[in-house]
Amino acid sequence: MSGDVVDLAQARIDRSPHGSGPAMCLGCGHEWVAVVPIGVVGFACPACHLDKGVMKGLYSSDRYDWTCACGNILYRISEKRLYCILCGKEPDLS
């Protein structure tokens, strides 16, 4: 019986869930389609190589700073307030 030896730790990293979508660099403004592991917030820009790349639009993570009492994790920021897009309540920031 023959086969390749597999590094299990690396295999788990390689098979971790990923998300893809439009991304942009907050440093140089470059835009591209990125594929990143779920939970990653900032990553390297392919144009300027700074760690200022972010996903554009809605992109969820497994870590949330705020969860509304209604269970929603998405908020909208307007000129006057920050509020839950599901129920309209403002988060308790205390």
PDB file of N, CA and C in Angstrom:
ATOM      1  N   MET A   1       0.853  -1.184   0.000  1.00  0.00           N
ATOM      2  CA  MET A   1       0.000   0.000   0.000  1.00  0.00           C
ATOM      3  C   MET A   1       0.892   1.237   0.000  1.00  0.00           C
ATOM      4  N   SER A   2       0.679   2.146  -0.914  1.00  0.00           N
ATOM      5  CA  SER A   2       1.489   3.355  -0.972  1.00  0.00           C
ATOM      6  C   SER A   2       0.580   4.573  -0.963  1.00  0.00           C
ATOM      7  N   GLY A   3       1.159   5.692  -0.557  1.00  0.00           N
ATOM      8  CA  GLY A   3       0.396   6.929  -0.529  1.00  0.00           C
ATOM      9  C   GLY A   3       1.229   8.050   0.028  1.00  0.00           C
ATOM     10  N   ASP A   4       0.692   9.241  -0.065  1.00  0.00           N
ATOM     11  CA  ASP A   4       1.393  10.404   0.450  1.00  0.00           C
ATOM     12  C   ASP A   4       1.087  10.592   1.927  1.00  0.00           C
ATOM     13  N   VAL A   5       2.071  11.080   2.648  1.00  0.00           N
ATOM     14  CA  VAL A   5       1.861  11.440   4.048  1.00  0.00           C
ATOM     15  C   VAL A   5       1.199  12.815   4.058  1.00  0.00           C
ATOM     16  N   VAL A   6       0.118  12.938   4.803  1.00  0.00           N
ATOM     17  CA  VAL A   6      -0.645  14.183   4.854  1.00  0.00           C
ATOM     18  C   VAL A   6      -0.459  14.832   6.217  1.00  0.00           C
ATOM     19  N   ASP A   7      -0.121  16.104   6.223  1.00  0.00           N
ATOM     20  CA  ASP A   7      -0.041  16.883   7.456  1.00  0.00           C
ATOM     21  C   ASP A   7      -1.477  17.270   7.830  1.00  0.00           C
ATOM     22  N   LEU A   8      -2.016  16.640   8.876  1.00  0.00           N
ATOM     23  CA  LEU A   8      -3.423  16.865   9.240  1.00  0.00           C
ATOM     24  C   LEU A   8      -3.707  18.307   9.624  1.00  0.00           C
ATOM     25  N   ALA A   9      -2.783  18.952  10.319  1.00  0.00           N
ATOM     26  CA  ALA A   9      -2.993  20.357  10.705  1.00  0.00           C
ATOM     27  C   ALA A   9      -3.122  21.234   9.463  1.00  0.00           C
ATOM     28  N   GLN A  10      -2.254  21.025   8.480  1.00  0.00           N
ATOM     29  CA  GLN A  10      -2.321  21.823   7.256  1.00  0.00           C
ATOM     30  C   GLN A  10      -3.578  21.490   6.455  1.00  0.00           C
ATOM     31  N   ALA A  11      -3.969  20.226   6.432  1.00  0.00           N
ATOM     32  CA  ALA A  11      -5.175  19.821   5.705  1.00  0.00           C
ATOM     33  C   ALA A  11      -6.407  20.498   6.294  1.00  0.00           C
ATOM     34  N   ARG A  12      -6.452  20.622   7.620  1.00  0.00           N
ATOM     35  CA  ARG A  12      -7.596  21.304   8.263  1.00  0.00           C
ATOM     36  C   ARG A  12      -7.628  22.777   7.884  1.00  0.00           C
ATOM     37  N   ILE A  13      -6.461  23.409   7.832  1.00  0.00           N
ATOM     38  CA  ILE A  13      -6.390  24.821   7.437  1.00  0.00           C
ATOM     39  C   ILE A  13      -6.843  24.969   5.990  1.00  0.00           C
ATOM     40  N   ASP A  14      -6.346  24.098   5.123  1.00  0.00           N
ATOM     41  CA  ASP A  14      -6.681  24.175   3.705  1.00  0.00           C
ATOM     42  C   ASP A  14      -8.163  23.947   3.447  1.00  0.00           C
ATOM     43  N   ARG A  15      -8.839  23.213   4.313  1.00  0.00           N
ATOM     44  CA  ARG A  15     -10.256  22.895   4.118  1.00  0.00           C
ATOM     45  C   ARG A  15     -11.182  23.769   4.954  1.00  0.00           C
ATOM     46  N   SER A  16     -10.649  24.799   5.601  1.00  0.00           N
ATOM     47  CA  SER A  16     -11.499  25.668   6.402  1.00  0.00           C
ATOM     48  C   SER A  16     -12.480  26.408   5.494  1.00  0.00           C
ATOM     49  N   PRO A  17     -13.670  26.755   6.005  1.00  0.00           N
ATOM     50  CA  PRO A  17     -14.664  27.453   5.164  1.00  0.00           C
ATOM     51  C   PRO A  17     -14.149  28.818   4.708  1.00  0.00           C
ATOM     52  N   HIS A  18     -14.420  29.151   3.486  1.00  0.00           N
ATOM     53  CA  HIS A  18     -14.000  30.418   2.899  1.00  0.00           C
ATOM     54  C   HIS A  18     -15.211  31.151   2.329  1.00  0.00           C
ATOM     55  N   GLY A  19     -15.083  32.442   2.219  1.00  0.00           N
ATOM     56  CA  GLY A  19     -16.081  33.275   1.572  1.00  0.00           C
ATOM     57  C   GLY A  19     -15.431  34.004   0.409  1.00  0.00           C
ATOM     58  N   SER A  20     -16.212  34.411  -0.560  1.00  0.00           N
ATOM     59  CA  SER A  20     -15.659  35.152  -1.692  1.00  0.00           C
ATOM     60  C   SER A  20     -16.604  36.288  -2.055  1.00  0.00           C
ATOM     61  N   GLY A  21     -16.048  37.302  -2.678  1.00  0.00           N
ATOM     62  CA  GLY A  21     -16.862  38.420  -3.116  1.00  0.00           C
ATOM     63  C   GLY A  21     -16.020  39.641  -3.402  1.00  0.00           C
ATOM     64  N   PRO A  22     -16.675  40.743  -3.751  1.00  0.00           N
ATOM     65  CA  PRO A  22     -15.962  41.976  -4.068  1.00  0.00           C
ATOM     66  C   PRO A  22     -15.198  42.485  -2.847  1.00  0.00           C
ATOM     67  N   ALA A  23     -13.965  42.915  -3.076  1.00  0.00           N
ATOM     68  CA  ALA A  23     -13.120  43.456  -2.016  1.00  0.00           C
ATOM     69  C   ALA A  23     -12.494  44.757  -2.489  1.00  0.00           C
ATOM     70  N   MET A  24     -12.013  45.548  -1.535  1.00  0.00           N
ATOM     71  CA  MET A  24     -11.319  46.780  -1.886  1.00  0.00           C
ATOM     72  C   MET A  24     -10.252  47.076  -0.848  1.00  0.00           C
ATOM     73  N   CYS A  25      -9.269  47.849  -1.243  1.00  0.00           N
ATOM     74  CA  CYS A  25      -8.195  48.254  -0.348  1.00  0.00           C
ATOM     75  C   CYS A  25      -8.511  49.634   0.211  1.00  0.00           C
ATOM     76  N   LEU A  26      -8.475  49.750   1.533  1.00  0.00           N
ATOM     77  CA  LEU A  26      -8.715  51.041   2.173  1.00  0.00           C
ATOM     78  C   LEU A  26      -7.497  51.951   2.055  1.00  0.00           C
ATOM     79  N   GLY A  27      -6.380  51.409   1.591  1.00  0.00           N
ATOM     80  CA  GLY A  27      -5.171  52.201   1.420  1.00  0.00           C
ATOM     81  C   GLY A  27      -5.077  52.817   0.035  1.00  0.00           C
ATOM     82  N   CYS A  28      -5.077  51.955  -1.003  1.00  0.00           N
ATOM     83  CA  CYS A  28      -4.862  52.453  -2.367  1.00  0.00           C
ATOM     84  C   CYS A  28      -6.125  52.499  -3.224  1.00  0.00           C
ATOM     85  N   GLY A  29      -7.238  51.915  -2.738  1.00  0.00           N
ATOM     86  CA  GLY A  29      -8.493  51.952  -3.483  1.00  0.00           C
ATOM     87  C   GLY A  29      -8.656  50.847  -4.517  1.00  0.00           C
ATOM     88  N   HIS A  30      -7.669  49.963  -4.643  1.00  0.00           N
ATOM     89  CA  HIS A  30      -7.755  48.855  -5.600  1.00  0.00           C
ATOM     90  C   HIS A  30      -8.967  47.983  -5.284  1.00  0.00           C
ATOM     91  N   GLU A  31      -9.661  47.489  -6.322  1.00  0.00           N
ATOM     92  CA  GLU A  31     -10.807  46.602  -6.134  1.00  0.00           C
ATOM     93  C   GLU A  31     -10.562  45.282  -6.851  1.00  0.00           C
ATOM     94  N   TRP A  32     -11.005  44.167  -6.255  1.00  0.00           N
ATOM     95  CA  TRP A  32     -10.828  42.845  -6.834  1.00  0.00           C
ATOM     96  C   TRP A  32     -11.811  41.885  -6.185  1.00  0.00           C
ATOM     97  N   VAL A  33     -11.873  40.662  -6.661  1.00  0.00           N
ATOM     98  CA  VAL A  33     -12.676  39.611  -6.038  1.00  0.00           C
ATOM     99  C   VAL A  33     -11.733  38.803  -5.156  1.00  0.00           C
ATOM    100  N   ALA A  34     -12.052  38.726  -3.862  1.00  0.00           N
ATOM    101  CA  ALA A  34     -11.193  38.043  -2.897  1.00  0.00           C
ATOM    102  C   ALA A  34     -11.835  36.754  -2.414  1.00  0.00           C
ATOM    103  N   VAL A  35     -11.002  35.808  -2.039  1.00  0.00           N
ATOM    104  CA  VAL A  35     -11.424  34.576  -1.389  1.00  0.00           C
ATOM    105  C   VAL A  35     -10.649  34.519  -0.081  1.00  0.00           C
ATOM    106  N   VAL A  36     -11.372  34.565   1.047  1.00  0.00           N
ATOM    107  CA  VAL A  36     -10.716  34.598   2.360  1.00  0.00           C
ATOM    108  C   VAL A  36     -11.408  33.623   3.311  1.00  0.00           C
ATOM    109  N   PRO A  37     -10.671  33.116   4.287  1.00  0.00           N
ATOM    110  CA  PRO A  37     -11.297  32.253   5.294  1.00  0.00           C
ATOM    111  C   PRO A  37     -12.385  33.014   6.054  1.00  0.00           C
ATOM    112  N   ILE A  38     -13.469  32.341   6.382  1.00  0.00           N
ATOM    113  CA  ILE A  38     -14.544  32.946   7.173  1.00  0.00           C
ATOM    114  C   ILE A  38     -13.957  33.420   8.498  1.00  0.00           C
ATOM    115  N   GLY A  39     -14.290  34.637   8.881  1.00  0.00           N
ATOM    116  CA  GLY A  39     -13.792  35.217  10.118  1.00  0.00           C
ATOM    117  C   GLY A  39     -12.656  36.200   9.914  1.00  0.00           C
ATOM    118  N   VAL A  40     -12.030  36.178   8.738  1.00  0.00           N
ATOM    119  CA  VAL A  40     -10.947  37.121   8.451  1.00  0.00           C
ATOM    120  C   VAL A  40     -11.568  38.463   8.105  1.00  0.00           C
ATOM    121  N   VAL A  41     -11.075  39.519   8.744  1.00  0.00           N
ATOM    122  CA  VAL A  41     -11.629  40.850   8.505  1.00  0.00           C
ATOM    123  C   VAL A  41     -10.736  41.660   7.572  1.00  0.00           C
ATOM    124  N   GLY A  42      -9.445  41.728   7.832  1.00  0.00           N
ATOM    125  CA  GLY A  42      -8.510  42.466   6.997  1.00  0.00           C
ATOM    126  C   GLY A  42      -7.503  41.520   6.373  1.00  0.00           C
ATOM    127  N   PHE A  43      -7.049  41.842   5.160  1.00  0.00           N
ATOM    128  CA  PHE A  43      -6.111  40.977   4.459  1.00  0.00           C
ATOM    129  C   PHE A  43      -5.296  41.821   3.486  1.00  0.00           C
ATOM    130  N   ALA A  44      -4.248  41.238   2.940  1.00  0.00           N
ATOM    131  CA  ALA A  44      -3.326  41.967   2.070  1.00  0.00           C
ATOM    132  C   ALA A  44      -3.957  42.316   0.726  1.00  0.00           C
ATOM    133  N   CYS A  45      -3.700  43.528   0.290  1.00  0.00           N
ATOM    134  CA  CYS A  45      -4.124  43.994  -1.030  1.00  0.00           C
ATOM    135  C   CYS A  45      -3.136  43.459  -2.065  1.00  0.00           C
ATOM    136  N   PRO A  46      -3.615  42.887  -3.188  1.00  0.00           N
ATOM    137  CA  PRO A  46      -2.694  42.377  -4.200  1.00  0.00           C
ATOM    138  C   PRO A  46      -1.959  43.490  -4.955  1.00  0.00           C
ATOM    139  N   ALA A  47      -2.452  44.733  -4.876  1.00  0.00           N
ATOM    140  CA  ALA A  47      -1.810  45.830  -5.604  1.00  0.00           C
ATOM    141  C   ALA A  47      -0.710  46.502  -4.780  1.00  0.00           C
ATOM    142  N   CYS A  48      -1.035  46.920  -3.556  1.00  0.00           N
ATOM    143  CA  CYS A  48      -0.054  47.656  -2.737  1.00  0.00           C
ATOM    144  C   CYS A  48       0.574  46.787  -1.646  1.00  0.00           C
ATOM    145  N   HIS A  49       0.017  45.588  -1.431  1.00  0.00           N
ATOM    146  CA  HIS A  49       0.528  44.610  -0.467  1.00  0.00           C
ATOM    147  C   HIS A  49       0.390  45.039   0.998  1.00  0.00           C
ATOM    148  N   LEU A  50      -0.386  46.083   1.264  1.00  0.00           N
ATOM    149  CA  LEU A  50      -0.666  46.478   2.644  1.00  0.00           C
ATOM    150  C   LEU A  50      -1.834  45.655   3.169  1.00  0.00           C
ATOM    151  N   ASP A  51      -1.888  45.430   4.461  1.00  0.00           N
ATOM    152  CA  ASP A  51      -2.991  44.676   5.072  1.00  0.00           C
ATOM    153  C   ASP A  51      -4.198  45.582   5.284  1.00  0.00           C
ATOM    154  N   LYS A  52      -4.683  46.168   4.201  1.00  0.00           N
ATOM    155  CA  LYS A  52      -5.829  47.085   4.272  1.00  0.00           C
ATOM    156  C   LYS A  52      -6.974  46.630   3.374  1.00  0.00           C
ATOM    157  N   GLY A  53      -6.969  45.357   2.971  1.00  0.00           N
ATOM    158  CA  GLY A  53      -8.049  44.825   2.158  1.00  0.00           C
ATOM    159  C   GLY A  53      -9.239  44.465   3.021  1.00  0.00           C
ATOM    160  N   VAL A  54     -10.443  44.780   2.549  1.00  0.00           N
ATOM    161  CA  VAL A  54     -11.692  44.453   3.247  1.00  0.00           C
ATOM    162  C   VAL A  54     -12.727  44.007   2.226  1.00  0.00           C
ATOM    163  N   MET A  55     -13.694  43.221   2.679  1.00  0.00           N
ATOM    164  CA  MET A  55     -14.799  42.823   1.806  1.00  0.00           C
ATOM    165  C   MET A  55     -15.756  44.001   1.669  1.00  0.00           C
ATOM    166  N   LYS A  56     -16.325  44.164   0.485  1.00  0.00           N
ATOM    167  CA  LYS A  56     -17.318  45.213   0.247  1.00  0.00           C
ATOM    168  C   LYS A  56     -18.704  44.641   0.501  1.00  0.00           C
ATOM    169  N   GLY A  57     -19.610  45.464   0.973  1.00  0.00           N
ATOM    170  CA  GLY A  57     -20.984  45.033   1.182  1.00  0.00           C
ATOM    171  C   GLY A  57     -21.132  44.112   2.377  1.00  0.00           C
ATOM    172  N   LEU A  58     -22.183  43.305   2.357  1.00  0.00           N
ATOM    173  CA  LEU A  58     -22.462  42.407   3.469  1.00  0.00           C
ATOM    174  C   LEU A  58     -21.525  41.212   3.434  1.00  0.00           C
ATOM    175  N   TYR A  59     -20.893  40.966   4.527  1.00  0.00           N
ATOM    176  CA  TYR A  59     -19.994  39.829   4.649  1.00  0.00           C
ATOM    177  C   TYR A  59     -19.982  39.445   6.114  1.00  0.00           C
ATOM    178  N   SER A  60     -20.351  38.228   6.418  1.00  0.00           N
ATOM    179  CA  SER A  60     -20.475  37.854   7.824  1.00  0.00           C
ATOM    180  C   SER A  60     -19.231  37.160   8.334  1.00  0.00           C
ATOM    181  N   SER A  61     -19.073  37.233   9.601  1.00  0.00           N
ATOM    182  CA  SER A  61     -17.950  36.620  10.302  1.00  0.00           C
ATOM    183  C   SER A  61     -18.508  35.739  11.406  1.00  0.00           C
ATOM    184  N   ASP A  62     -17.685  34.851  11.945  1.00  0.00           N
ATOM    185  CA  ASP A  62     -18.152  34.047  13.064  1.00  0.00           C
ATOM    186  C   ASP A  62     -17.960  34.769  14.389  1.00  0.00           C
ATOM    187  N   ARG A  63     -17.459  35.995  14.343  1.00  0.00           N
ATOM    188  CA  ARG A  63     -17.270  36.803  15.556  1.00  0.00           C
ATOM    189  C   ARG A  63     -18.000  38.126  15.370  1.00  0.00           C
ATOM    190  N   TYR A  64     -18.912  38.424  16.264  1.00  0.00           N
ATOM    191  CA  TYR A  64     -19.684  39.654  16.146  1.00  0.00           C
ATOM    192  C   TYR A  64     -19.452  40.512  17.381  1.00  0.00           C
ATOM    193  N   ASP A  65     -19.252  41.787  17.151  1.00  0.00           N
ATOM    194  CA  ASP A  65     -19.095  42.702  18.268  1.00  0.00           C
ATOM    195  C   ASP A  65     -20.436  43.000  18.917  1.00  0.00           C
ATOM    196  N   TRP A  66     -21.492  43.094  18.111  1.00  0.00           N
ATOM    197  CA  TRP A  66     -22.807  43.407  18.636  1.00  0.00           C
ATOM    198  C   TRP A  66     -23.825  42.411  18.103  1.00  0.00           C
ATOM    199  N   THR A  67     -24.663  41.926  18.984  1.00  0.00           N
ATOM    200  CA  THR A  67     -25.827  41.142  18.584  1.00  0.00           C
ATOM    201  C   THR A  67     -27.022  41.814  19.222  1.00  0.00           C
ATOM    202  N   CYS A  68     -27.997  42.154  18.427  1.00  0.00           N
ATOM    203  CA  CYS A  68     -29.200  42.821  18.927  1.00  0.00           C
ATOM    204  C   CYS A  68     -30.003  41.850  19.793  1.00  0.00           C
ATOM    205  N   ALA A  69     -30.830  42.396  20.667  1.00  0.00           N
ATOM    206  CA  ALA A  69     -31.713  41.563  21.496  1.00  0.00           C
ATOM    207  C   ALA A  69     -32.646  40.717  20.635  1.00  0.00           C
ATOM    208  N   CYS A  70     -32.924  41.163  19.408  1.00  0.00           N
ATOM    209  CA  CYS A  70     -33.790  40.400  18.508  1.00  0.00           C
ATOM    210  C   CYS A  70     -33.033  39.260  17.816  1.00  0.00           C
ATOM    211  N   GLY A  71     -31.706  39.192  18.023  1.00  0.00           N
ATOM    212  CA  GLY A  71     -30.899  38.128  17.438  1.00  0.00           C
ATOM    213  C   GLY A  71     -30.179  38.520  16.161  1.00  0.00           C
ATOM    214  N   ASN A  72     -30.458  39.692  15.622  1.00  0.00           N
ATOM    215  CA  ASN A  72     -29.836  40.144  14.388  1.00  0.00           C
ATOM    216  C   ASN A  72     -28.410  40.623  14.644  1.00  0.00           C
ATOM    217  N   ILE A  73     -27.546  40.466  13.653  1.00  0.00           N
ATOM    218  CA  ILE A  73     -26.165  40.923  13.785  1.00  0.00           C
ATOM    219  C   ILE A  73     -25.813  42.048  12.816  1.00  0.00           C
ATOM    220  N   LEU A  74     -26.767  42.431  11.949  1.00  0.00           N
ATOM    221  CA  LEU A  74     -26.495  43.460  10.953  1.00  0.00           C
ATOM    222  C   LEU A  74     -27.061  44.803  11.392  1.00  0.00           C
ATOM    223  N   TYR A  75     -26.236  45.837  11.279  1.00  0.00           N
ATOM    224  CA  TYR A  75     -26.619  47.185  11.676  1.00  0.00           C
ATOM    225  C   TYR A  75     -26.421  48.144  10.516  1.00  0.00           C
ATOM    226  N   ARG A  76     -27.145  49.232  10.555  1.00  0.00           N
ATOM    227  CA  ARG A  76     -26.989  50.293   9.566  1.00  0.00           C
ATOM    228  C   ARG A  76     -26.503  51.538  10.324  1.00  0.00           C
ATOM    229  N   ILE A  77     -25.594  52.249   9.688  1.00  0.00           N
ATOM    230  CA  ILE A  77     -25.080  53.484  10.267  1.00  0.00           C
ATOM    231  C   ILE A  77     -25.568  54.627   9.400  1.00  0.00           C
ATOM    232  N   SER A  78     -26.320  55.541  10.013  1.00  0.00           N
ATOM    233  CA  SER A  78     -26.774  56.728   9.284  1.00  0.00           C
ATOM    234  C   SER A  78     -26.020  57.936   9.841  1.00  0.00           C
ATOM    235  N   GLU A  79     -26.323  59.104   9.326  1.00  0.00           N
ATOM    236  CA  GLU A  79     -25.674  60.321   9.831  1.00  0.00           C
ATOM    237  C   GLU A  79     -26.043  60.585  11.286  1.00  0.00           C
ATOM    238  N   LYS A  80     -27.209  60.087  11.718  1.00  0.00           N
ATOM    239  CA  LYS A  80     -27.686  60.410  13.057  1.00  0.00           C
ATOM    240  C   LYS A  80     -27.597  59.267  14.056  1.00  0.00           C
ATOM    241  N   ARG A  81     -27.564  58.016  13.582  1.00  0.00           N
ATOM    242  CA  ARG A  81     -27.571  56.913  14.542  1.00  0.00           C
ATOM    243  C   ARG A  81     -27.122  55.595  13.932  1.00  0.00           C
ATOM    244  N   LEU A  82     -26.863  54.645  14.832  1.00  0.00           N
ATOM    245  CA  LEU A  82     -26.545  53.266  14.488  1.00  0.00           C
ATOM    246  C   LEU A  82     -27.735  52.443  14.951  1.00  0.00           C
ATOM    247  N   TYR A  83     -28.295  51.571  14.073  1.00  0.00           N
ATOM    248  CA  TYR A  83     -29.485  50.828  14.469  1.00  0.00           C
ATOM    249  C   TYR A  83     -29.549  49.467  13.790  1.00  0.00           C
ATOM    250  N   CYS A  84     -30.271  48.556  14.426  1.00  0.00           N
ATOM    251  CA  CYS A  84     -30.488  47.206  13.920  1.00  0.00           C
ATOM    252  C   CYS A  84     -31.368  47.296  12.669  1.00  0.00           C
ATOM    253  N   ILE A  85     -30.975  46.602  11.593  1.00  0.00           N
ATOM    254  CA  ILE A  85     -31.778  46.679  10.373  1.00  0.00           C
ATOM    255  C   ILE A  85     -33.028  45.808  10.456  1.00  0.00           C
ATOM    256  N   LEU A  86     -33.127  44.951  11.476  1.00  0.00           N
ATOM    257  CA  LEU A  86     -34.312  44.106  11.607  1.00  0.00           C
ATOM    258  C   LEU A  86     -35.391  44.787  12.440  1.00  0.00           C
ATOM    259  N   CYS A  87     -35.036  45.249  13.645  1.00  0.00           N
ATOM    260  CA  CYS A  87     -36.066  45.818  14.527  1.00  0.00           C
ATOM    261  C   CYS A  87     -35.948  47.339  14.711  1.00  0.00           C
ATOM    262  N   GLY A  88     -34.832  47.940  14.279  1.00  0.00           N
ATOM    263  CA  GLY A  88     -34.679  49.387  14.366  1.00  0.00           C
ATOM    264  C   GLY A  88     -34.122  49.904  15.674  1.00  0.00           C
ATOM    265  N   LYS A  89     -33.875  49.031  16.639  1.00  0.00           N
ATOM    266  CA  LYS A  89     -33.354  49.490  17.929  1.00  0.00           C
ATOM    267  C   LYS A  89     -31.862  49.785  17.839  1.00  0.00           C
ATOM    268  N   GLU A  90     -31.413  50.755  18.672  1.00  0.00           N
ATOM    269  CA  GLU A  90     -30.004  51.089  18.740  1.00  0.00           C
ATOM    270  C   GLU A  90     -29.300  50.129  19.688  1.00  0.00           C
ATOM    271  N   PRO A  91     -28.064  49.740  19.411  1.00  0.00           N
ATOM    272  CA  PRO A  91     -27.363  48.796  20.292  1.00  0.00           C
ATOM    273  C   PRO A  91     -26.995  49.428  21.622  1.00  0.00           C
ATOM    274  N   ASP A  92     -26.919  48.605  22.655  1.00  0.00           N
ATOM    275  CA  ASP A  92     -26.460  49.069  23.961  1.00  0.00           C
ATOM    276  C   ASP A  92     -24.944  49.012  23.935  1.00  0.00           C
ATOM    277  N   LEU A  93     -24.304  50.159  23.892  1.00  0.00           N
ATOM    278  CA  LEU A  93     -22.838  50.222  23.755  1.00  0.00           C
ATOM    279  C   LEU A  93     -22.133  50.310  25.101  1.00  0.00           C
ATOM    280  N   SER A  94     -22.870  50.121  26.180  1.00  0.00           N
ATOM    281  CA  SER A  94     -22.227  50.212  27.506  1.00  0.00           C
ATOM    282  C   SER A  94     -21.563  48.925  27.912  1.00  0.00           C
TER     283      SER A  94
END
